[in-house]
Protein backbone atom coordinates (compact mmCIF):
# COMPACT_ATOMS: atom_id res chain seq x y z
CA MET A 1 13.92 11.71 25.87
CA SER A 2 16.45 12.02 24.07
CA GLU A 3 19.22 14.35 24.23
CA LYS A 4 19.22 14.09 19.93
CA GLN A 5 15.26 15.05 20.22
CA SER A 6 15.26 17.23 22.46
CA THR A 7 17.27 19.45 20.28
CA VAL A 8 14.93 19.06 17.39
CA ASN A 9 12.89 20.50 19.55
CA LEU A 10 14.34 23.20 20.92
CA ASP A 11 15.74 24.24 17.34
CA ALA A 12 11.88 24.00 16.25
CA ALA A 13 10.42 26.75 18.41
CA ALA A 14 13.59 28.99 17.60
CA ALA A 15 13.00 28.58 14.47
CA GLY A 16 9.05 28.78 14.36
CA ASP A 17 9.14 32.33 16.63
CA GLY A 18 7.00 30.29 19.82
CA GLN A 19 4.53 28.70 16.95
CA SER A 20 4.08 24.64 17.28
CA TYR A 21 4.83 22.74 14.64
CA ALA A 22 0.97 22.34 14.26
CA GLN A 23 0.66 25.69 13.65
CA ARG A 24 3.60 26.47 10.97
CA TYR A 25 2.14 22.90 9.36
CA THR A 26 -0.97 25.08 8.62
CA GLU A 27 0.72 27.92 7.47
CA ALA A 28 3.18 26.20 5.31
CA MET A 29 1.57 23.89 3.78
CA ILE A 30 -1.24 23.02 1.10
CA PRO A 31 -4.24 21.24 3.41
CA VAL A 32 -4.55 18.60 0.92
CA PHE A 33 -4.32 16.08 4.00
CA GLY A 34 -5.87 18.04 6.08
CA THR A 35 -4.47 18.71 9.92
CA PRO A 36 -2.39 16.65 10.99
CA GLN A 37 -2.93 14.35 14.12
CA ARG A 38 0.09 14.69 15.35
CA VAL A 39 3.61 16.20 14.62
CA LEU A 40 6.04 13.19 14.52
CA VAL A 41 9.95 13.38 15.16
CA ARG A 42 11.25 10.37 15.44
CA GLY A 43 11.08 6.21 15.25
CA GLU A 44 12.38 3.21 16.44
CA GLY A 45 11.34 -0.32 15.96
CA VAL A 46 7.93 -0.39 15.51
CA HIS A 47 7.57 2.47 17.47
CA VAL A 48 7.47 6.36 17.23
CA TRP A 49 7.54 9.87 19.26
CA ASP A 50 5.91 13.12 18.63
CA ASP A 51 7.09 16.12 19.49
CA HIS A 52 6.09 16.22 23.32
CA GLY A 53 8.09 13.35 23.43
CA THR A 54 4.46 10.97 23.63
CA GLN A 55 5.41 6.97 22.42
CA TYR A 56 2.85 5.53 20.13
CA LEU A 57 2.82 1.87 18.55
CA ASP A 58 2.55 2.26 15.00
CA LEU A 59 0.07 -0.22 13.76
CA LEU A 60 -0.29 1.42 10.49
CA GLY A 61 3.29 1.34 9.57
CA GLY A 62 2.94 4.48 7.05
CA ILE A 63 0.02 2.78 5.46
CA ALA A 64 1.42 -0.60 5.00
CA VAL A 65 4.81 1.21 4.18
CA ASN A 66 7.42 0.73 6.74
CA THR A 67 8.00 -3.27 6.02
CA LEU A 68 11.14 -2.77 8.76
CA GLY A 69 9.79 -0.72 10.80
CA HIS A 70 11.90 2.75 11.89
CA GLY A 71 15.59 3.01 12.06
CA HIS A 72 16.56 -0.50 10.90
CA PRO A 73 19.92 -1.21 10.98
CA ALA A 74 19.59 -2.80 7.28
CA ILE A 75 17.70 0.04 5.54
CA LEU A 76 20.28 2.71 7.95
CA SER A 77 23.33 0.25 5.89
CA ALA A 78 21.84 0.33 2.94
CA LEU A 79 21.23 3.91 2.51
CA ALA A 80 24.47 5.21 4.03
CA LYS A 81 26.87 2.08 2.09
CA GLN A 82 25.01 3.58 -1.47
CA ALA A 83 25.52 7.05 -0.51
CA GLU A 84 28.86 7.25 -0.20
CA ASP A 85 29.42 5.13 -4.15
CA LEU A 86 26.54 7.05 -6.01
CA VAL A 87 22.80 8.87 -4.56
CA HIS A 88 21.71 9.09 -8.34
CA VAL A 89 22.48 9.37 -12.33
CA SER A 90 20.28 9.68 -15.05
CA ASN A 91 18.71 6.55 -17.17
CA PHE A 92 21.20 7.40 -19.96
CA PHE A 93 22.68 4.66 -17.44
CA ALA A 94 22.17 1.69 -15.52
CA THR A 95 23.57 1.08 -12.04
CA ALA A 96 24.06 -2.25 -10.15
CA PRO A 97 21.20 -2.07 -7.32
CA GLN A 98 19.25 -1.01 -9.92
CA ILE A 99 19.86 -4.81 -12.33
CA GLU A 100 20.25 -6.74 -9.17
CA LEU A 101 16.41 -5.43 -7.85
CA ALA A 102 15.07 -5.54 -10.97
CA GLU A 103 16.11 -9.47 -11.07
CA THR A 104 15.58 -9.94 -7.48
CA LEU A 105 11.46 -8.78 -8.36
CA LEU A 106 11.42 -11.09 -11.34
CA ARG A 107 12.24 -14.21 -9.27
CA LEU A 108 10.38 -13.14 -7.03
CA ALA A 109 7.00 -12.93 -8.88
CA ARG A 110 7.70 -16.35 -10.56
CA ALA A 111 7.98 -14.29 -13.84
CA PRO A 112 8.45 -16.36 -16.99
CA GLU A 113 11.17 -15.57 -18.91
CA GLY A 114 11.61 -12.33 -21.05
CA SER A 115 9.61 -10.44 -18.15
CA GLY A 116 10.80 -6.71 -17.86
CA VAL A 117 10.38 -4.39 -14.49
CA PHE A 118 10.29 -0.48 -14.50
CA PHE A 119 11.28 1.65 -12.04
CA ALA A 120 8.72 4.41 -10.54
CA ASN A 121 8.76 6.90 -7.78
CA SER A 122 5.09 5.76 -6.14
CA GLY A 123 1.87 3.14 -6.37
CA THR A 124 0.28 6.04 -8.76
CA GLU A 125 2.71 6.43 -10.69
CA ALA A 126 3.39 2.92 -11.35
CA ASN A 127 -0.78 2.54 -12.73
CA GLU A 128 0.10 5.68 -14.80
CA ALA A 129 2.58 3.09 -16.50
CA ALA A 130 0.44 0.49 -16.51
CA PHE A 131 -2.17 2.79 -17.52
CA LYS A 132 0.02 3.39 -20.80
CA ILE A 133 0.70 -0.49 -21.16
CA ALA A 134 -3.44 -1.10 -21.61
CA ARG A 135 -3.87 1.63 -23.92
CA ARG A 136 -0.96 -0.01 -26.04
CA HIS A 137 -2.74 -3.56 -25.45
CA GLY A 138 -5.70 -1.97 -26.54
CA GLY A 139 -5.53 0.56 -29.51
CA ALA A 140 -8.10 1.31 -31.75
CA ASP A 141 -9.85 -2.19 -31.58
CA ARG A 142 -9.58 -2.70 -27.85
CA PRO A 143 -10.92 0.67 -26.44
CA ARG A 144 -12.57 0.01 -22.93
CA ILE A 145 -10.41 -0.95 -19.13
CA LEU A 146 -12.43 -2.11 -16.48
CA ALA A 147 -11.80 -1.86 -12.67
CA LEU A 148 -13.79 -2.87 -9.96
CA THR A 149 -15.95 -0.58 -7.39
CA ASP A 150 -14.32 0.62 -4.60
CA SER A 151 -11.13 0.29 -6.27
CA PHE A 152 -8.14 2.67 -5.37
CA HIS A 153 -5.33 2.84 -7.54
CA GLY A 154 -3.64 6.66 -6.85
CA ARG A 155 -4.28 10.37 -7.87
CA THR A 156 -2.87 11.05 -10.40
CA MET A 157 -5.79 11.77 -13.85
CA GLY A 158 -4.75 8.31 -15.24
CA ALA A 159 -4.60 6.50 -11.93
CA LEU A 160 -7.56 8.66 -11.02
CA ALA A 161 -9.35 7.54 -13.57
CA LEU A 162 -9.04 4.28 -12.58
CA THR A 163 -10.32 4.88 -9.05
CA SER A 164 -14.05 4.60 -8.28
CA LYS A 165 -14.87 6.79 -5.64
CA GLU A 166 -16.65 9.44 -7.05
CA ALA A 167 -15.85 11.89 -4.08
CA TYR A 168 -12.28 11.81 -5.40
CA ARG A 169 -12.59 11.72 -8.92
CA VAL A 170 -15.64 14.52 -9.84
CA PRO A 171 -13.93 17.70 -8.88
CA PHE A 172 -10.95 16.75 -11.73
CA GLU A 173 -13.35 15.40 -14.68
CA PRO A 174 -13.17 15.37 -17.28
CA LEU A 175 -10.80 12.19 -16.30
CA PRO A 176 -9.09 9.82 -18.65
CA GLY A 177 -11.77 8.04 -20.91
CA GLY A 178 -12.95 4.71 -21.35
CA VAL A 179 -13.32 3.11 -18.11
CA GLU A 180 -15.62 1.06 -16.37
CA PHE A 181 -16.63 0.11 -13.05
CA LEU A 182 -17.50 -3.52 -12.17
CA PRO A 183 -18.60 -5.06 -8.26
CA ALA A 184 -16.41 -7.00 -7.44
CA ASN A 185 -16.67 -10.58 -6.61
CA ASP A 186 -19.64 -10.70 -9.50
CA GLU A 187 -18.16 -13.32 -12.34
CA ASP A 188 -21.35 -13.01 -13.93
CA ALA A 189 -20.75 -9.20 -14.59
CA LEU A 190 -17.31 -9.63 -15.39
CA ALA A 191 -18.20 -11.95 -18.31
CA ALA A 192 -20.93 -10.27 -19.39
CA ALA A 193 -17.98 -7.07 -19.70
CA LEU A 194 -15.65 -9.06 -21.24
CA ALA A 195 -17.97 -10.59 -23.86
CA PRO A 196 -17.79 -8.44 -26.12
CA GLY A 197 -14.16 -8.52 -26.65
CA ASP A 198 -13.28 -5.00 -26.98
CA VAL A 199 -11.51 -4.79 -23.40
CA ALA A 200 -7.81 -4.17 -22.95
CA ALA A 201 -7.15 -4.23 -19.77
CA VAL A 202 -8.73 -5.22 -16.29
CA PHE A 203 -7.21 -3.81 -12.75
CA ALA A 204 -7.94 -5.47 -9.43
CA GLU A 205 -5.93 -5.44 -6.32
CA PRO A 206 -5.89 -8.91 -4.92
CA ILE A 207 -6.98 -7.00 -0.66
CA GLN A 208 -9.13 -3.28 -1.33
CA GLY A 209 -7.28 -2.13 1.12
CA GLU A 210 -8.97 1.63 0.96
CA ALA A 211 -11.87 -0.26 0.56
CA GLY A 212 -11.70 -1.70 4.12
CA VAL A 213 -9.46 -3.90 3.51
CA ARG A 214 -11.38 -6.67 1.47
CA PRO A 215 -10.45 -9.48 0.19
CA LEU A 216 -11.27 -10.75 -3.41
CA ASP A 217 -13.00 -13.84 -3.51
CA PRO A 218 -10.07 -17.05 -4.80
CA THR A 219 -12.98 -18.29 -7.14
CA TYR A 220 -13.23 -14.57 -8.15
CA LEU A 221 -9.94 -14.20 -8.92
CA GLN A 222 -8.98 -17.56 -10.78
CA ALA A 223 -12.26 -16.31 -12.81
CA LEU A 224 -10.21 -12.94 -13.69
CA ARG A 225 -7.39 -14.82 -14.67
CA LEU A 226 -9.40 -17.56 -16.57
CA LEU A 227 -11.92 -15.10 -18.31
CA THR A 228 -8.96 -12.32 -19.18
CA ARG A 229 -6.95 -14.73 -20.89
CA GLU A 230 -9.77 -16.38 -23.02
CA HIS A 231 -11.07 -12.89 -24.23
CA GLY A 232 -7.01 -11.22 -25.32
CA THR A 233 -7.53 -9.29 -22.03
CA LEU A 234 -4.33 -8.20 -20.14
CA LEU A 235 -5.00 -8.93 -16.27
CA ILE A 236 -3.14 -6.01 -14.39
CA LEU A 237 -2.49 -6.33 -10.50
CA ASP A 238 -2.27 -3.51 -8.60
CA GLU A 239 0.14 -4.72 -5.13
CA VAL A 240 0.61 -1.40 -4.38
CA GLN A 241 -0.73 -2.33 -0.64
CA SER A 242 -0.91 -5.84 -0.50
CA GLY A 243 2.88 -6.73 -1.87
CA ILE A 244 6.37 -6.99 -0.16
CA ALA A 245 5.06 -10.27 2.36
CA ARG A 246 2.14 -7.86 3.84
CA SER A 247 -0.21 -11.05 3.55
CA GLY A 248 2.59 -13.70 3.99
CA HIS A 249 3.03 -14.29 0.22
CA TRP A 250 5.72 -12.05 -0.90
CA PHE A 251 2.56 -11.04 -3.45
CA ALA A 252 -0.66 -11.48 -2.20
CA HIS A 253 -2.07 -13.22 -5.54
CA GLN A 254 0.66 -15.78 -5.08
CA ALA A 255 -1.83 -17.20 -2.16
CA THR A 256 -4.24 -18.30 -5.17
CA ASP A 257 -3.33 -21.28 -7.38
CA GLY A 258 -3.31 -21.00 -11.14
CA VAL A 259 -3.15 -16.58 -10.89
CA VAL A 260 -0.45 -15.43 -12.99
CA PRO A 261 -1.06 -11.75 -14.25
CA ASP A 262 0.01 -10.11 -17.03
CA VAL A 263 1.15 -6.82 -15.47
CA MET A 264 1.73 -6.56 -11.46
CA THR A 265 2.87 -2.74 -10.25
CA LEU A 266 4.54 -2.34 -6.68
CA ALA A 267 5.39 0.40 -4.01
CA LYS A 268 4.94 1.35 -0.73
CA GLY A 269 6.67 -1.16 1.75
CA LEU A 270 9.69 -1.85 -1.13
CA GLY A 271 11.36 0.72 -0.12
CA GLY A 272 10.26 0.50 3.15
CA GLY A 273 9.95 4.20 3.67
CA PHE A 274 12.05 5.10 0.79
CA PRO A 275 10.00 6.28 -2.09
CA ILE A 276 10.17 3.72 -4.98
CA GLY A 277 7.68 1.95 -7.39
CA ALA A 278 7.53 -0.64 -9.85
CA LEU A 279 6.21 -2.50 -12.85
CA ILE A 280 6.40 -6.03 -13.49
CA ALA A 281 5.12 -7.04 -17.02
CA PHE A 282 5.26 -10.60 -16.86
CA GLY A 283 6.37 -11.75 -20.59
CA PRO A 284 8.11 -11.24 -23.95
CA GLU A 285 4.45 -9.85 -25.27
CA VAL A 286 3.63 -7.69 -22.75
CA ARG A 287 7.10 -6.25 -21.92
CA ALA A 288 7.24 -5.17 -25.57
CA LEU A 289 3.93 -2.90 -25.01
CA LEU A 290 6.53 -0.06 -23.88
CA SER A 291 9.26 0.76 -26.23
CA ALA A 292 12.21 3.22 -25.94
CA GLY A 293 11.20 6.94 -25.40
CA GLN A 294 7.27 5.49 -24.59
CA HIS A 295 7.56 6.43 -21.06
CA GLY A 296 10.25 7.45 -18.62
CA THR A 297 10.52 8.88 -14.81
CA THR A 298 13.61 10.66 -13.68
CA PHE A 299 14.07 9.61 -10.60
CA GLY A 300 12.66 5.68 -10.71
CA GLY A 301 15.35 3.13 -10.35
CA ASN A 302 17.68 5.61 -8.94
CA PRO A 303 20.70 3.62 -6.94
CA LEU A 304 19.90 4.86 -3.81
CA GLY A 305 16.17 3.56 -3.91
CA ALA A 306 17.24 0.53 -5.30
CA ALA A 307 19.78 -0.41 -2.53
CA VAL A 308 17.22 -0.16 0.16
CA ALA A 309 15.02 -2.10 -1.65
CA LEU A 310 16.94 -4.90 -1.93
CA ALA A 311 17.74 -4.68 1.47
CA VAL A 312 14.06 -4.91 2.32
CA LEU A 313 14.01 -7.78 0.29
CA GLY A 314 16.95 -9.33 1.33
CA THR A 315 15.89 -8.48 5.44
CA ILE A 316 12.17 -10.54 4.98
CA THR A 317 13.98 -13.95 3.20
CA GLU A 318 16.84 -13.34 6.36
CA ASP A 319 14.56 -13.03 9.46
CA GLY A 320 12.12 -15.31 7.88
CA LEU A 321 9.18 -12.90 7.95
CA LEU A 322 7.06 -14.32 5.45
CA ASP A 323 5.63 -17.17 7.83
CA HIS A 324 5.93 -14.87 10.49
CA VAL A 325 3.64 -12.48 8.88
CA ARG A 326 1.53 -14.75 8.43
CA GLU A 327 1.49 -16.68 12.05
CA VAL A 328 1.36 -13.37 13.65
CA GLY A 329 -1.61 -12.12 11.63
CA ASP A 330 -3.54 -15.24 12.18
CA ARG A 331 -2.73 -15.03 15.79
CA PHE A 332 -4.23 -11.57 15.68
CA ALA A 333 -7.64 -12.08 13.89
CA GLU A 334 -8.00 -14.74 16.02
CA SER A 335 -7.66 -12.63 18.89
CA VAL A 336 -9.90 -9.99 17.99
CA SER A 337 -12.55 -12.59 17.10
CA ALA A 338 -12.22 -14.00 20.59
CA LEU A 339 -13.17 -11.21 21.92
CA ALA A 340 -17.04 -11.93 21.32
CA ASP A 341 -17.41 -8.32 20.83
CA PRO A 342 -20.94 -7.40 20.02
CA ARG A 343 -19.70 -4.13 18.08
CA ILE A 344 -16.91 -5.69 16.58
CA THR A 345 -18.73 -8.34 12.84
CA GLU A 346 -15.04 -9.53 11.31
CA VAL A 347 -11.79 -9.35 11.22
CA ARG A 348 -11.14 -9.95 7.36
CA GLY A 349 -7.32 -9.64 5.25
CA ALA A 350 -4.50 -11.53 4.97
CA GLY A 351 -0.94 -11.15 7.13
CA LEU A 352 -0.24 -8.30 8.76
CA LEU A 353 -3.23 -6.08 5.98
CA ARG A 354 -6.24 -6.08 8.57
CA GLY A 355 -9.78 -4.93 8.75
CA ILE A 356 -11.22 -4.84 11.68
CA GLY A 357 -15.12 -4.40 10.83
CA LEU A 358 -17.53 -2.26 12.96
CA SER A 359 -21.34 -2.66 13.61
CA GLU A 360 -21.65 0.87 13.83
CA PRO A 361 -19.94 3.53 11.78
CA ILE A 362 -17.82 4.87 14.09
CA ALA A 363 -14.31 4.25 13.05
CA PRO A 364 -12.65 7.22 12.78
CA GLN A 365 -13.54 8.15 16.30
CA VAL A 366 -12.61 4.40 17.30
CA ALA A 367 -9.20 5.23 15.75
CA ALA A 368 -9.07 8.86 17.37
CA ALA A 369 -9.56 7.06 20.65
CA SER A 370 -6.40 4.82 20.02
CA LEU A 371 -4.24 7.39 19.07
CA GLU A 372 -4.63 8.74 22.64
CA ALA A 373 -4.05 5.69 23.84
CA GLY A 374 -1.44 5.44 22.47
CA PHE A 375 -1.62 3.30 19.12
CA ILE A 376 -1.52 4.88 15.64
CA VAL A 377 -4.19 3.06 13.47
CA ASN A 378 -6.43 4.46 10.49
CA ALA A 379 -9.97 3.98 9.46
CA PRO A 380 -10.57 3.78 5.90
CA ASN A 381 -14.33 3.47 5.92
CA PRO A 382 -17.01 4.92 8.99
CA SER A 383 -17.32 1.30 9.95
CA THR A 384 -13.44 0.34 9.65
CA ILE A 385 -10.43 -0.10 11.16
CA ARG A 386 -7.09 -0.53 9.25
CA ILE A 387 -4.19 -1.79 10.88
CA ALA A 388 -1.00 -2.75 8.66
CA PRO A 389 2.04 -2.19 11.18
CA PRO A 390 5.56 -3.24 10.41
CA LEU A 391 6.56 -6.68 9.41
CA ILE A 392 8.46 -7.11 12.46
CA ILE A 393 5.51 -6.32 14.69
CA THR A 394 5.22 -9.55 17.77
CA ALA A 395 1.91 -11.15 18.61
CA GLU A 396 2.66 -9.43 22.54
CA GLU A 397 2.82 -6.11 20.85
CA LEU A 398 -0.73 -6.03 18.59
CA GLY A 399 -2.37 -7.81 21.88
CA THR A 400 -1.71 -4.76 23.41
CA PHE A 401 -3.99 -2.99 21.00
CA THR A 402 -6.85 -6.42 20.94
CA ALA A 403 -6.71 -5.93 24.85
CA ALA A 404 -7.16 -2.01 24.69
CA LEU A 405 -10.08 -2.78 22.02
CA PRO A 406 -13.13 -2.92 23.89
CA GLY A 407 -12.27 0.19 26.26
CA LEU A 408 -11.49 1.82 23.30
CA LEU A 409 -15.30 1.05 21.94
CA ASP A 410 -16.79 1.87 25.54
CA THR A 411 -15.23 5.32 25.48
CA VAL A 412 -16.00 6.12 22.07
CA LEU A 413 -19.88 5.00 23.07
CA ALA A 414 -20.09 6.66 25.96
CA ASN A 415 -18.93 9.94 24.46
CA ALA A 416 -21.58 9.56 21.41
CA THR A 417 -24.54 8.84 24.24
CA GLU A 418 -23.12 11.56 25.69
CA GLY A 419 -23.52 14.16 22.82
CA ALA A 420 -26.82 12.85 21.76
């Protein structure tokens, strides 16, 4: 344990009159996240440590956020340098990092001339801006917006209206109206819904992360692009979780020929842990749908966040992480499949966004057992284990989890038998 970590723990105990961090969390925080599993105090590379000094292999990366892991020198350097120069200005002014980041994203997205970027602070905020663009495009003649079943687009009111899970939606109804949900990968249902010609936009995640890491079929994604274009409907792709090299491509939709969205939303991995979101409007006509005064944010595109995001994108390029993510992710999927464990049904996803399908609804228990064994993973649904580790992780590091997985399943099922 480092001297710095020891000092943090001693100070915490003194400040809390002997209470643990967990107790203090319960007393001080609104419990929207439930009881924290651990209190983490330090990170380095692909590992984190809790307030008791226990080390964990971080296979979740803050849910696809910590692109370069913890304490990466490129991020630390960008933070320190930019903080010396300028941390924040209002959006009455522009800054060099903001402009450079917008230009970089447009290039990586292969956006046509006349495209534009709006910066926010999170994925849900980026999707709120996309919702507004959809409304502006639709007007009175196109009041309908389509999203997919098992979608997740955020928890603010507009983004929540696009999220299909009723448990999230029902407590806050009535939500913004006009949103309908279609079954994913059903081309006939899509064609029928678009046929009246009154749909403003279709929202879709190329890889549905919260649904259990379920990629859209490439043929369906192509049909989405073809049919929306035919009907004058915007295609809005939510790449909040699947973007920024997570799939082994800069953006997951780039793996499918012929798919270029009208709008794309980003966040999570863009800042490598620093809060930043973005919306890209493809082409001048879409860009023009939001004009001066129609949307805004105080902190979006601040120079500190933009500088960090530039460092993240630059490091991905310089270190060849796109190839690395594809190779390591494919090797991981192959190694899990090679276990030939009947309790594992499949490995879904791409790159380093993977869902391990289980034959029994025991994923939460497996995630808990993994944590006890020193691995951080999560269960987006009862039968899926999700991994979304830092993109710098090695095949050998991932292999330690693969090797441990059968034993973790044994432990969970043995406990279930004892408790029956």
